[in-house]
Amino acid sequence: MDMPLFCKQCGNRRLPEYHEVEKTTLWLCTKCKNFVDMEDIIIRDQTDEEREIVKRKQEEFENTTNFPKAKLNRRKGVN
């Protein structure tokens, strides 16, 4: 069984999302905003509420993480 990595409608990338209600992983097209199952059958569209939850989680992640800015140093000499 192949994973539905690319959307058949627009050719864009799909990302897996686990849903506790359905107890399965659905694949979300990043452009069409619809979910498909492992058989590549469209199950439903992403709701506005789900989009808001994802946006809120992304903002929370960006605000709470503190990745140090790595300074790139050029190595001197011959390896």
C-alpha atoms as a PDB file:
ATOM      1  CA  MET A   1       0.000   0.000   0.000  1.00  0.00           C
ATOM      2  CA  ASP A   2       1.465   3.358  -1.025  1.00  0.00           C
ATOM      3  CA  MET A   3       1.230   6.466   1.095  1.00  0.00           C
ATOM      4  CA  PRO A   4      -0.638   9.337  -0.596  1.00  0.00           C
ATOM      5  CA  LEU A   5       2.254  11.816  -0.504  1.00  0.00           C
ATOM      6  CA  PHE A   6       1.057  13.994  -3.380  1.00  0.00           C
ATOM      7  CA  CYS A   7      -2.424  15.334  -4.152  1.00  0.00           C
ATOM      8  CA  LYS A   8      -4.029  14.014  -7.326  1.00  0.00           C
ATOM      9  CA  GLN A   9      -5.969  17.264  -7.819  1.00  0.00           C
ATOM     10  CA  CYS A  10      -3.174  19.829  -7.595  1.00  0.00           C
ATOM     11  CA  GLY A  11       0.044  17.785  -7.316  1.00  0.00           C
ATOM     12  CA  ASN A  12       1.012  19.504  -4.046  1.00  0.00           C
ATOM     13  CA  ARG A  13       2.513  17.745  -1.002  1.00  0.00           C
ATOM     14  CA  ARG A  14       0.335  16.035   1.606  1.00  0.00           C
ATOM     15  CA  LEU A  15       1.219  15.858   5.291  1.00  0.00           C
ATOM     16  CA  PRO A  16       0.068  13.136   7.707  1.00  0.00           C
ATOM     17  CA  GLU A  17      -2.075  14.094  10.712  1.00  0.00           C
ATOM     18  CA  TYR A  18      -3.297  11.687  13.371  1.00  0.00           C
ATOM     19  CA  HIS A  19      -6.938  12.204  14.397  1.00  0.00           C
ATOM     20  CA  GLU A  20      -8.077  10.756  17.703  1.00  0.00           C
ATOM     21  CA  VAL A  21     -11.768  10.918  16.760  1.00  0.00           C
ATOM     22  CA  GLU A  22     -11.318   8.701  13.698  1.00  0.00           C
ATOM     23  CA  LYS A  23      -8.402   6.834  15.369  1.00  0.00           C
ATOM     24  CA  THR A  24      -6.487   6.928  12.114  1.00  0.00           C
ATOM     25  CA  THR A  25      -3.977   9.001  10.197  1.00  0.00           C
ATOM     26  CA  LEU A  26      -5.406  11.249   7.511  1.00  0.00           C
ATOM     27  CA  TRP A  27      -3.312  13.013   4.902  1.00  0.00           C
ATOM     28  CA  LEU A  28      -3.839  16.784   4.481  1.00  0.00           C
ATOM     29  CA  CYS A  29      -3.116  18.504   1.163  1.00  0.00           C
ATOM     30  CA  THR A  30      -1.348  21.793   1.928  1.00  0.00           C
ATOM     31  CA  LYS A  31      -3.029  23.556  -1.010  1.00  0.00           C
ATOM     32  CA  CYS A  32      -6.518  22.004  -1.382  1.00  0.00           C
ATOM     33  CA  LYS A  33      -6.982  21.631   2.415  1.00  0.00           C
ATOM     34  CA  ASN A  34      -8.706  18.252   2.145  1.00  0.00           C
ATOM     35  CA  PHE A  35      -8.039  15.014   3.988  1.00  0.00           C
ATOM     36  CA  VAL A  36      -7.589  11.635   2.312  1.00  0.00           C
ATOM     37  CA  ASP A  37      -7.160   8.161   3.772  1.00  0.00           C
ATOM     38  CA  MET A  38      -4.529   5.544   2.947  1.00  0.00           C
ATOM     39  CA  GLU A  39      -6.529   4.445  -0.118  1.00  0.00           C
ATOM     40  CA  ASP A  40      -6.289   8.028  -1.472  1.00  0.00           C
ATOM     41  CA  ILE A  41     -10.035   8.646  -1.110  1.00  0.00           C
ATOM     42  CA  ILE A  42     -11.069  12.160  -0.091  1.00  0.00           C
ATOM     43  CA  ILE A  43     -12.655  11.947   3.363  1.00  0.00           C
ATOM     44  CA  ARG A  44     -13.458  15.586   4.126  1.00  0.00           C
ATOM     45  CA  ASP A  45     -12.196  19.166   3.952  1.00  0.00           C
ATOM     46  CA  GLN A  46     -10.243  20.825   6.741  1.00  0.00           C
ATOM     47  CA  THR A  47     -12.555  22.998   8.855  1.00  0.00           C
ATOM     48  CA  ASP A  48     -11.881  26.610   9.809  1.00  0.00           C
ATOM     49  CA  GLU A  49     -11.709  25.528  13.454  1.00  0.00           C
ATOM     50  CA  GLU A  50      -8.950  23.010  12.638  1.00  0.00           C
ATOM     51  CA  ARG A  51      -7.027  25.678  10.719  1.00  0.00           C
ATOM     52  CA  GLU A  52      -7.217  28.032  13.714  1.00  0.00           C
ATOM     53  CA  ILE A  53      -5.982  25.295  16.067  1.00  0.00           C
ATOM     54  CA  VAL A  54      -2.996  24.566  13.816  1.00  0.00           C
ATOM     55  CA  LYS A  55      -2.215  28.283  13.489  1.00  0.00           C
ATOM     56  CA  ARG A  56      -2.430  28.754  17.278  1.00  0.00           C
ATOM     57  CA  LYS A  57      -0.132  25.772  17.926  1.00  0.00           C
ATOM     58  CA  GLN A  58       2.389  27.093  15.397  1.00  0.00           C
ATOM     59  CA  GLU A  59       2.437  30.546  17.007  1.00  0.00           C
ATOM     60  CA  GLU A  60       2.787  29.001  20.475  1.00  0.00           C
ATOM     61  CA  PHE A  61       5.697  26.855  19.278  1.00  0.00           C
ATOM     62  CA  GLU A  62       7.461  29.856  17.726  1.00  0.00           C
ATOM     63  CA  ASN A  63       6.990  31.925  20.895  1.00  0.00           C
ATOM     64  CA  THR A  64       8.119  29.244  23.356  1.00  0.00           C
ATOM     65  CA  THR A  65      11.139  27.812  21.556  1.00  0.00           C
ATOM     66  CA  ASN A  66      14.480  29.501  21.766  1.00  0.00           C
ATOM     67  CA  PHE A  67      16.937  28.083  19.288  1.00  0.00           C
ATOM     68  CA  PRO A  68      20.380  29.667  19.620  1.00  0.00           C
ATOM     69  CA  LYS A  69      21.632  31.423  16.551  1.00  0.00           C
ATOM     70  CA  ALA A  70      24.663  29.489  15.433  1.00  0.00           C
ATOM     71  CA  LYS A  71      27.574  31.587  14.357  1.00  0.00           C
ATOM     72  CA  LEU A  72      29.365  30.154  11.376  1.00  0.00           C
ATOM     73  CA  ASN A  73      33.128  30.220  11.721  1.00  0.00           C
ATOM     74  CA  ARG A  74      35.321  29.567   8.782  1.00  0.00           C
ATOM     75  CA  ARG A  75      37.896  26.907   9.455  1.00  0.00           C
ATOM     76  CA  LYS A  76      41.464  27.915   8.831  1.00  0.00           C
ATOM     77  CA  GLY A  77      44.177  25.719   7.494  1.00  0.00           C
ATOM     78  CA  VAL A  78      44.276  22.662   5.354  1.00  0.00           C
ATOM     79  CA  ASN A  79      42.411  19.512   6.282  1.00  0.00           C
END
